[in-house]
Protein backbone atom coordinates (compact mmCIF):
# COMPACT_ATOMS: atom_id res chain seq x y z
CA MET A 1 75.49 114.82 127.37
CA ASN A 2 77.94 113.61 124.66
CA TYR A 3 79.93 111.84 127.40
CA ILE A 4 76.78 110.24 128.82
CA ASP A 5 75.65 109.17 125.37
CA SER A 6 79.06 107.62 124.70
CA LEU A 7 78.91 105.77 128.00
CA LEU A 8 75.34 104.51 127.59
CA PHE A 9 75.25 103.77 123.88
CA GLY A 10 78.92 103.24 123.06
CA LEU A 11 80.33 101.33 126.08
CA TYR A 12 77.32 99.92 127.88
CA PRO A 13 76.35 97.65 124.90
CA TYR A 14 79.77 95.95 125.14
CA LEU A 15 79.40 95.47 128.90
CA ALA A 16 75.94 93.98 128.43
CA GLY A 17 77.12 91.76 125.60
CA SER A 18 80.17 90.52 127.50
CA VAL A 19 78.09 89.62 130.57
CA PHE A 20 75.53 88.01 128.29
CA LEU A 21 78.05 85.66 126.60
CA ILE A 22 80.37 84.94 129.51
CA GLY A 23 77.50 84.62 132.01
CA SER A 24 75.58 82.23 129.80
CA LEU A 25 78.65 80.02 129.31
CA LEU A 26 79.44 79.98 133.06
CA ARG A 27 75.90 79.18 133.97
CA TYR A 28 75.73 76.35 131.51
CA ASP A 29 79.01 74.99 132.88
CA GLN A 30 78.31 75.52 136.57
CA GLY A 31 74.55 75.58 137.03
CA GLN A 32 72.91 73.17 134.62
CA PHE A 33 70.33 72.15 137.24
CA THR A 34 68.95 75.70 137.04
CA TRP A 35 68.85 75.68 133.24
CA LYS A 36 65.09 75.42 132.86
CA THR A 37 61.95 77.34 132.06
CA GLY A 38 60.52 76.88 135.53
CA SER A 39 56.98 76.59 134.18
CA SER A 40 54.24 77.44 136.67
CA GLN A 41 51.32 76.29 134.50
CA MET A 42 50.54 73.38 136.85
CA LEU A 43 50.10 75.83 139.70
CA SER A 44 47.50 77.91 137.89
CA SER A 45 46.39 77.18 134.33
CA LYS A 46 43.51 79.67 134.00
CA ASN A 47 44.05 81.66 130.79
CA MET A 48 47.66 80.41 130.85
CA ARG A 49 47.62 78.94 127.36
CA MET A 50 46.30 82.11 125.72
CA ALA A 51 48.67 84.38 127.65
CA SER A 52 51.70 82.18 127.00
CA ASN A 53 50.95 81.83 123.29
CA LEU A 54 50.41 85.54 122.79
CA PHE A 55 53.57 86.39 124.71
CA HIS A 56 55.85 83.79 123.01
CA ILE A 57 54.61 84.35 119.46
CA GLY A 58 54.83 88.07 119.85
CA ILE A 59 58.32 88.10 121.35
CA ILE A 60 59.71 85.68 118.74
CA VAL A 61 58.42 87.87 115.93
CA ILE A 62 59.84 90.98 117.61
CA PHE A 63 63.23 89.42 118.27
CA PHE A 64 63.83 88.18 114.73
CA GLY A 65 62.30 91.32 113.30
CA HIS A 66 64.77 93.49 115.23
CA LEU A 67 67.62 91.14 114.41
CA ALA A 68 66.99 91.26 110.66
CA GLY A 69 65.90 94.89 110.59
CA LEU A 70 68.86 96.31 112.47
CA LEU A 71 71.68 94.09 111.20
CA THR A 72 70.79 93.87 107.51
CA PRO A 73 72.92 96.36 105.54
CA SER A 74 70.92 98.75 103.38
CA TRP A 75 72.61 97.57 100.20
CA VAL A 76 71.04 94.13 100.67
CA TYR A 77 67.37 95.31 100.50
CA SER A 78 67.68 98.68 98.70
CA PRO A 79 67.39 97.11 95.20
CA PHE A 80 63.98 95.70 96.19
CA ILE A 81 62.38 98.11 98.65
CA SER A 82 63.13 101.59 99.95
CA ALA A 83 64.06 102.35 103.51
CA GLY A 84 60.72 104.05 103.99
CA THR A 85 58.80 100.95 102.84
CA LYS A 86 60.89 98.75 105.12
CA GLN A 87 60.06 101.06 107.99
CA VAL A 88 56.32 100.86 107.28
CA ILE A 89 56.54 97.07 107.22
CA ALA A 90 58.43 97.12 110.50
CA VAL A 91 55.78 99.39 112.12
CA VAL A 92 52.88 97.19 110.96
CA VAL A 93 54.38 93.79 111.74
CA GLY A 94 56.13 95.01 114.90
CA GLY A 95 52.97 96.78 116.08
CA ILE A 96 50.82 93.63 115.75
CA ALA A 97 53.46 91.42 117.42
CA GLY A 98 54.03 94.08 120.10
CA VAL A 99 50.36 94.19 121.07
CA MET A 100 50.23 90.38 121.25
CA CYS A 101 53.35 90.30 123.39
CA LEU A 102 52.17 93.13 125.62
CA VAL A 103 48.75 91.56 126.29
CA GLY A 104 50.21 88.13 126.96
CA GLY A 105 53.11 89.49 129.04
CA ALA A 106 50.86 91.69 131.11
CA MET A 107 48.60 88.74 131.86
CA LEU A 108 51.58 86.60 132.96
CA PHE A 109 53.05 89.46 135.01
CA HIS A 110 49.74 90.11 136.75
CA ARG A 111 49.37 86.41 137.48
CA ARG A 112 52.86 86.21 138.96
CA LEU A 113 52.11 89.13 141.26
CA THR A 114 48.60 88.22 142.37
CA ASN A 115 48.48 84.40 142.43
CA PRO A 116 49.76 83.24 145.84
CA ARG A 117 50.93 79.83 144.59
CA VAL A 118 52.76 81.21 141.60
CA ARG A 119 54.30 84.06 143.66
CA ALA A 120 55.52 81.60 146.28
CA SER A 121 57.33 79.53 143.67
CA SER A 122 58.86 82.51 141.88
CA SER A 123 62.20 84.13 142.52
CA THR A 124 62.68 87.90 142.59
CA MET A 125 64.48 87.70 139.27
CA ASP A 126 61.51 85.87 137.72
CA THR A 127 59.29 88.82 138.52
CA VAL A 128 61.91 91.39 137.52
CA ILE A 129 62.57 89.89 134.09
CA ILE A 130 58.90 89.55 133.10
CA GLY A 131 58.38 93.12 134.29
CA LEU A 132 61.33 94.33 132.21
CA LEU A 133 60.07 92.50 129.13
CA VAL A 134 56.59 94.03 129.50
CA LEU A 135 58.13 97.49 129.98
CA GLN A 136 60.36 96.99 126.93
CA VAL A 137 57.45 96.03 124.71
CA ALA A 138 55.39 98.96 125.98
CA LEU A 139 58.23 101.35 125.17
CA GLY A 140 58.58 99.77 121.74
CA LEU A 141 54.88 100.37 121.01
CA LEU A 142 55.20 103.99 122.19
CA THR A 143 58.03 104.55 119.66
CA ILE A 144 55.49 103.91 116.89
CA LEU A 145 53.82 107.32 117.58
CA PRO A 146 56.84 109.48 116.74
CA THR A 147 57.87 107.07 114.01
CA LEU A 148 54.63 107.72 112.12
CA GLY A 149 55.72 111.33 111.81
CA HIS A 150 58.71 110.45 109.61
CA LEU A 151 58.17 107.44 107.40
CA ASP A 152 61.08 108.17 105.10
CA GLY A 153 63.23 105.56 106.81
CA ALA A 154 65.89 108.04 108.09
CA LYS A 155 65.47 107.11 111.75
CA MET A 156 65.53 103.43 110.94
CA LEU A 157 68.84 103.92 109.11
CA GLN A 158 70.18 105.69 112.19
CA PHE A 159 69.31 102.75 114.49
CA SER A 160 70.66 100.27 111.94
CA GLY A 161 73.91 102.23 111.76
CA TRP A 162 74.19 102.23 115.55
CA ALA A 163 73.51 98.49 115.90
CA GLN A 164 75.89 97.52 113.09
CA SER A 165 78.63 99.71 114.51
CA ILE A 166 78.28 97.95 117.84
CA VAL A 167 78.16 94.39 116.45
CA PHE A 168 80.97 94.88 113.94
CA PHE A 169 83.19 96.90 116.32
CA GLN A 170 83.28 99.96 114.02
CA GLY A 171 83.51 102.59 116.79
CA GLY A 172 81.64 105.84 117.13
CA ALA A 173 78.31 104.10 117.51
CA ALA A 174 76.82 106.68 119.88
CA ALA A 175 77.06 109.32 117.18
CA TYR A 176 74.35 107.58 115.20
CA LEU A 177 71.86 108.33 118.02
CA GLU A 178 72.52 112.09 118.06
CA GLY A 179 69.20 113.91 118.02
CA VAL A 180 67.17 110.75 118.68
CA GLY A 181 64.17 111.18 121.00
CA LEU A 182 64.16 110.13 124.62
CA ILE A 183 61.59 107.35 124.10
CA TYR A 184 63.94 105.61 121.60
CA LYS A 185 66.87 105.83 123.95
CA LEU A 186 64.87 104.42 126.83
CA HIS A 187 63.81 101.54 124.59
CA ILE A 188 67.42 100.81 123.72
CA LEU A 189 68.63 101.05 127.34
CA VAL A 190 65.97 98.71 128.70
CA GLY A 191 66.76 96.26 125.87
CA LEU A 192 70.47 96.39 126.80
CA THR A 193 69.60 95.83 130.44
CA ILE A 194 67.61 92.73 129.54
CA ILE A 195 70.64 91.43 127.67
CA LEU A 196 72.80 92.22 130.74
CA VAL A 197 70.65 90.27 133.22
CA PHE A 198 69.82 87.45 130.77
CA PRO A 199 72.29 84.88 132.21
CA PHE A 200 70.86 85.31 135.69
CA THR A 201 67.25 84.58 134.67
CA ARG A 202 65.22 81.65 133.37
CA LEU A 203 65.54 83.18 129.88
CA VAL A 204 68.67 81.02 129.44
CA HIS A 205 66.40 78.16 128.40
CA VAL A 206 66.12 79.72 124.92
CA TRP A 207 69.64 78.32 124.26
CA SER A 208 68.16 74.86 124.62
CA VAL A 209 65.45 74.99 121.96
CA PRO A 210 64.46 71.38 121.37
CA MET A 211 64.78 71.17 117.57
CA GLY A 212 63.57 67.57 117.67
CA TYR A 213 60.35 68.55 119.38
CA VAL A 214 58.40 68.99 116.16
CA THR A 215 59.29 65.53 114.82
CA ARG A 216 59.03 63.65 118.10
CA ARG A 217 56.79 60.62 118.39
CA TYR A 218 53.54 60.78 120.31
CA GLN A 219 53.56 59.70 123.93
CA LEU A 220 51.05 57.03 124.85
CA VAL A 221 49.24 57.77 128.11
CA ARG A 222 47.04 55.02 129.49
CA ARG A 223 44.32 55.51 132.03
CA ARG A 224 45.05 53.54 135.22
CA THR A 225 42.11 51.31 136.17
CA GLY A 226 41.52 49.79 139.60
CA GLY A 227 43.81 49.70 142.58
CA VAL A 228 45.29 52.68 144.36
């Protein structure tokens, strides 16, 4: 099991990260015509706005919450809050965002599977990635149950140590996950798999966030009168 843990949580993260970076660069260079969101709202807009808003708001909060929570060294926040308090905040904020993301994602996933027009315009990878995201959020919510049994912050420090060891190439990262429950490991593995397949999905559009969108001028749309 030590060998398997080293393979999955010591080496697999670097494989996923390498494919993520190199694949994204190659796709941007070679396949810019596929660099898009591929929105299907025009095909079926029923409940689309609510589902999309819930999913996107939830996943943005989860992403940045994980990024800050896992990669912030303990000495940065320890003068202000304890590890246990930080963990409680993560459970509350992450739980709310997770429920939002799960509800919105499940609605989008169900629509992609059951709406004939949307299904016909979707690729296999479109369906796979939304399914993986919904599964990942569900696993994340399930980790809250065992987390409530130890709110001292010890587990959170373990996961932070693992993530920081991977990102900063410190070695021995898998050792931080020794004794961690299966549900946590599944959550990590699905997350790494999403990173691995990222360049081959429509998720690449997040690299092209239109920062000028908020300050853009209004578009004037005039009703056409008469004629054909």
